Protein backbone atom coordinates (compact mmCIF):
# COMPACT_ATOMS: atom_id res chain seq x y z
CA MET A 1 -91.88 75.12 49.66
CA ILE A 2 -91.56 71.86 47.30
CA LYS A 3 -90.71 68.14 48.01
CA SER A 4 -90.69 65.01 46.35
CA ARG A 5 -90.96 61.14 46.66
CA LEU A 6 -90.83 58.64 44.13
CA ALA A 7 -93.69 56.54 43.76
CA ALA A 8 -93.41 53.06 43.29
CA ALA A 9 -94.79 52.76 39.23
CA THR A 10 -92.90 53.48 36.68
CA LEU A 11 -93.48 54.59 33.10
CA ALA A 12 -91.71 54.07 29.90
CA LEU A 13 -92.77 56.68 27.39
CA SER A 14 -91.62 56.03 23.83
CA ALA A 15 -89.45 58.20 21.88
CA VAL A 16 -92.35 59.52 19.85
CA ALA A 17 -93.60 61.46 23.25
CA ALA A 18 -90.50 62.87 24.44
CA GLY A 19 -87.55 60.25 24.48
CA ALA A 20 -87.40 60.13 28.29
CA LEU A 21 -88.34 57.69 30.85
CA LEU A 22 -90.95 59.00 33.22
CA VAL A 23 -92.00 57.86 36.92
CA GLY A 24 -94.64 58.40 38.92
CA CYS A 25 -93.70 60.89 41.93
CA SER A 26 -95.25 63.09 44.12
CA GLY A 27 -95.07 66.75 45.10
CA SER A 28 -95.84 69.41 47.81
CA VAL A 29 -97.07 72.87 47.53
CA SER A 30 -97.55 75.94 50.41
CA VAL A 31 -100.01 77.64 49.34
CA GLY A 32 -100.94 81.25 51.66
CA SER A 33 -105.08 80.67 51.86
CA THR A 34 -107.28 79.65 54.33
CA ASP A 35 -109.12 77.31 51.58
CA PRO A 36 -106.00 75.86 50.26
CA LYS A 37 -105.63 75.09 46.94
CA VAL A 38 -102.65 75.00 43.87
CA SER A 39 -103.14 77.31 41.06
CA LYS A 40 -103.22 75.91 37.58
CA ASP A 41 -99.93 77.65 36.58
CA LYS A 42 -98.27 76.54 40.35
CA LEU A 43 -99.65 73.31 39.87
CA SER A 44 -98.57 72.98 35.97
CA ASP A 45 -94.91 74.42 36.86
CA THR A 46 -94.64 72.09 39.80
CA VAL A 47 -95.46 68.67 37.94
CA ALA A 48 -93.20 69.76 35.28
CA GLU A 49 -90.28 70.59 37.58
CA GLN A 50 -91.13 66.66 39.26
CA LEU A 51 -91.24 65.17 36.37
CA ALA A 52 -87.57 66.41 34.99
CA LYS A 53 -86.32 65.91 38.27
CA THR A 54 -87.26 62.16 38.73
CA THR A 55 -86.30 61.59 35.61
CA GLY A 56 -82.97 63.45 34.81
CA GLN A 57 -84.72 65.01 31.13
CA PRO A 58 -85.35 68.81 30.62
CA LYS A 59 -88.33 70.54 32.11
CA PRO A 60 -91.21 69.00 29.56
CA ASP A 61 -93.94 71.76 28.99
CA VAL A 62 -97.22 70.63 30.87
CA THR A 63 -100.51 72.31 31.09
CA CYS A 64 -102.74 71.93 33.72
CA PRO A 65 -106.25 73.30 32.97
CA LYS A 66 -107.84 74.32 36.77
CA ASP A 67 -106.37 74.70 39.97
CA LEU A 68 -106.59 71.56 42.18
CA VAL A 69 -108.55 72.27 45.44
CA GLY A 70 -106.27 70.65 48.41
CA LYS A 71 -108.90 67.62 49.67
CA VAL A 72 -107.75 64.67 49.55
CA GLY A 73 -108.59 62.40 46.31
CA ASN A 74 -109.20 65.60 44.49
CA ALA A 75 -107.66 65.06 41.13
CA THR A 76 -107.21 67.10 37.93
CA ARG A 77 -105.69 66.16 34.26
CA CYS A 78 -102.36 67.51 32.93
CA THR A 79 -101.19 67.51 29.57
CA LEU A 80 -97.33 67.07 29.10
CA THR A 81 -96.68 67.84 25.41
CA ALA A 82 -93.53 66.62 23.75
CA SER A 83 -91.43 69.03 21.49
CA ASP A 84 -93.01 66.69 18.65
CA GLY A 85 -96.19 67.68 19.46
CA SER A 86 -97.13 64.48 20.90
CA THR A 87 -99.45 64.64 24.32
CA LEU A 88 -99.28 62.50 27.25
CA GLY A 89 -102.12 62.73 29.78
CA VAL A 90 -100.84 63.45 33.82
CA THR A 91 -103.13 62.30 36.60
CA VAL A 92 -102.57 64.47 39.91
CA THR A 93 -104.26 63.45 42.75
CA VAL A 94 -104.18 64.96 46.22
CA SER A 95 -102.57 62.29 48.83
CA LYS A 96 -102.34 64.32 51.78
CA VAL A 97 -103.33 68.03 53.05
CA ASP A 98 -101.55 69.77 56.42
CA GLY A 99 -102.56 73.05 57.54
CA LYS A 100 -101.49 75.16 53.91
CA ASN A 101 -99.61 72.06 52.46
CA VAL A 102 -100.84 70.05 49.34
CA ASN A 103 -99.06 67.31 48.80
CA PHE A 104 -100.00 65.44 45.68
CA ASP A 105 -99.07 62.41 43.45
CA ILE A 106 -98.32 62.59 39.85
CA LYS A 107 -99.06 59.82 37.45
CA ALA A 108 -98.41 59.90 33.63
CA ASP A 109 -100.39 57.82 31.48
CA ASP A 110 -98.76 54.42 29.94
CA THR A 111 -99.89 55.35 26.37
CA PRO A 112 -98.74 58.71 24.42
CA SER A 113 -101.37 60.25 21.92
CA PRO A 114 -99.36 61.06 18.50
CA ALA A 115 -98.71 64.11 17.03
CA PRO A 116 -101.62 65.65 15.24
CA SER A 117 -100.70 65.25 11.46
CA ASN A 118 -100.88 68.00 8.99
């Protein structure tokens, strides 16, 4: 079960990164263990879905390096990679844990990193 709400901050992403407007958003994932955590694959997919839903843009390529343990304040850094190879950091922070539901805030960095030059 995934729920979302918009956060107050709005971020402009340059055309180099994705040609889209990203906003901070939130997500929630229901997990099936007694020690709630969101797997890195589920987190990557949920962050990408929430960013696409919030911006009205196609689902971006998002990679999260580790699972997110469901404890308020825990955070991880994910990476959004645009079609041109430029990247944008995305911070995912646990905002609430309610039983097996892990709620988190998603905030993209203000400045993208350019694509590597060949």
